[in-house]
């Protein structure tokens, strides 16, 4: 049975805690631009690191149709302008190689902390 989108965020958070317990905890469903209702699926707000799990990539879901895609562009553009680094993953990426994608976020965060 395929995982639900929220389960994918939980999966990323699970691997983050297991592989990098020394790193800051992430915040699920973090609202980053009040009064906008935009949320990141998972974020480390103090470091301006965010993870988005893009469901529906292969089924013509909300993120790949015109309006949804445009709304995501607005959200990600605003996030970038505010200094956020946003990592976008599909559920398939997390199911196949979760360690690889968690490592990408970790390496970015580590480089940010070390500098």
Protein backbone atom coordinates (compact mmCIF):
# COMPACT_ATOMS: atom_id res chain seq x y z
CA UNK A 1 0.00 0.00 0.00
CA UNK A 2 1.46 3.44 -0.92
CA UNK A 3 2.33 5.79 1.90
CA UNK A 4 0.33 8.95 2.45
CA UNK A 5 2.06 12.31 2.04
CA UNK A 6 2.16 12.95 5.78
CA UNK A 7 3.78 9.54 6.21
CA UNK A 8 6.55 10.65 3.85
CA UNK A 9 7.31 13.67 6.03
CA UNK A 10 7.34 11.35 9.01
CA UNK A 11 9.69 9.02 7.13
CA UNK A 12 12.13 11.86 6.43
CA UNK A 13 11.97 12.99 10.08
CA UNK A 14 12.52 9.40 11.26
CA UNK A 15 15.65 8.97 9.18
CA UNK A 16 16.87 12.42 10.23
CA UNK A 17 16.61 11.49 13.93
CA UNK A 18 18.20 8.07 13.43
CA UNK A 19 21.07 9.15 11.18
CA UNK A 20 21.82 12.53 12.75
CA UNK A 21 20.72 12.60 16.40
CA UNK A 22 23.30 15.33 17.10
CA UNK A 23 21.62 17.77 14.71
CA UNK A 24 18.69 20.10 15.44
CA UNK A 25 15.23 18.56 15.47
CA UNK A 26 13.01 19.46 12.59
CA UNK A 27 9.54 20.95 12.90
CA UNK A 28 6.73 19.32 10.91
CA UNK A 29 4.23 21.54 9.08
CA UNK A 30 6.21 24.71 9.80
CA UNK A 31 4.42 27.92 8.79
CA UNK A 32 7.12 30.20 7.42
CA UNK A 33 5.47 33.33 6.03
CA UNK A 34 2.60 34.58 8.16
CA UNK A 35 0.05 35.87 7.46
CA UNK A 36 0.28 33.51 4.45
CA UNK A 37 -0.84 30.00 5.26
CA UNK A 38 2.15 28.42 3.54
CA UNK A 39 3.79 25.56 5.40
CA UNK A 40 6.86 23.45 4.80
CA UNK A 41 6.41 19.72 5.31
CA UNK A 42 9.46 19.72 7.61
CA UNK A 43 11.88 22.49 8.56
CA UNK A 44 14.72 23.57 10.81
CA UNK A 45 13.66 27.20 11.23
CA UNK A 46 16.80 28.42 13.03
CA UNK A 47 18.89 27.32 10.02
CA UNK A 48 16.36 28.25 7.30
CA UNK A 49 16.35 24.67 5.98
CA UNK A 50 13.09 23.20 4.66
CA UNK A 51 11.98 19.90 3.13
CA UNK A 52 8.98 19.53 0.85
CA UNK A 53 7.61 16.14 -0.17
CA UNK A 54 6.06 16.58 -3.61
CA UNK A 55 3.30 14.04 -3.95
CA UNK A 56 1.47 13.30 -7.17
CA UNK A 57 4.46 13.69 -9.49
CA UNK A 58 3.46 10.60 -11.49
CA UNK A 59 -0.30 10.90 -11.17
CA UNK A 60 -0.81 14.47 -12.32
CA UNK A 61 -1.36 15.59 -8.74
CA UNK A 62 -1.73 19.12 -7.42
CA UNK A 63 1.98 19.91 -7.59
CA UNK A 64 2.20 19.15 -11.32
CA UNK A 65 -0.99 20.80 -12.60
CA UNK A 66 -1.05 24.47 -13.66
CA UNK A 67 -2.54 26.22 -10.62
CA UNK A 68 -0.83 24.02 -8.05
CA UNK A 69 2.52 24.31 -9.79
CA UNK A 70 2.18 28.10 -10.02
CA UNK A 71 1.23 28.33 -6.34
CA UNK A 72 4.28 26.24 -5.42
CA UNK A 73 6.49 28.57 -7.50
CA UNK A 74 5.14 31.55 -5.53
CA UNK A 75 5.75 29.75 -2.25
CA UNK A 76 9.28 28.65 -3.12
CA UNK A 77 10.18 32.04 -4.60
CA UNK A 78 9.07 33.78 -1.41
CA UNK A 79 10.97 31.25 0.68
CA UNK A 80 14.15 31.80 -1.36
CA UNK A 81 13.81 35.58 -1.07
CA UNK A 82 13.62 35.14 2.71
CA UNK A 83 16.81 33.09 2.75
CA UNK A 84 15.37 29.56 2.99
CA UNK A 85 17.01 26.55 1.38
CA UNK A 86 14.18 24.32 0.22
CA UNK A 87 14.82 20.67 -0.63
CA UNK A 88 12.14 19.06 -2.76
CA UNK A 89 11.77 15.28 -2.82
CA UNK A 90 9.18 12.91 -4.23
CA UNK A 91 7.81 10.06 -2.14
CA UNK A 92 9.59 7.66 -4.52
CA UNK A 93 12.94 9.27 -3.79
CA UNK A 94 12.42 8.83 -0.05
CA UNK A 95 11.16 5.27 -0.40
CA UNK A 96 14.11 4.21 -2.59
CA UNK A 97 17.04 6.10 -1.08
CA UNK A 98 16.11 7.92 2.14
CA UNK A 99 19.68 7.93 3.45
CA UNK A 100 20.94 9.70 0.31
CA UNK A 101 18.43 12.55 0.57
CA UNK A 102 18.78 12.96 4.32
CA UNK A 103 22.56 13.13 3.77
CA UNK A 104 22.07 15.92 1.22
CA UNK A 105 20.22 18.03 3.78
CA UNK A 106 22.73 17.11 6.49
CA UNK A 107 25.74 18.04 4.34
CA UNK A 108 24.15 21.38 3.47
CA UNK A 109 23.37 22.09 7.10
CA UNK A 110 26.85 21.01 8.20
CA UNK A 111 28.44 23.31 5.62
CA UNK A 112 26.24 26.15 6.86
CA UNK A 113 27.21 25.52 10.50
CA UNK A 114 30.92 25.09 9.79
CA UNK A 115 31.26 28.31 7.78
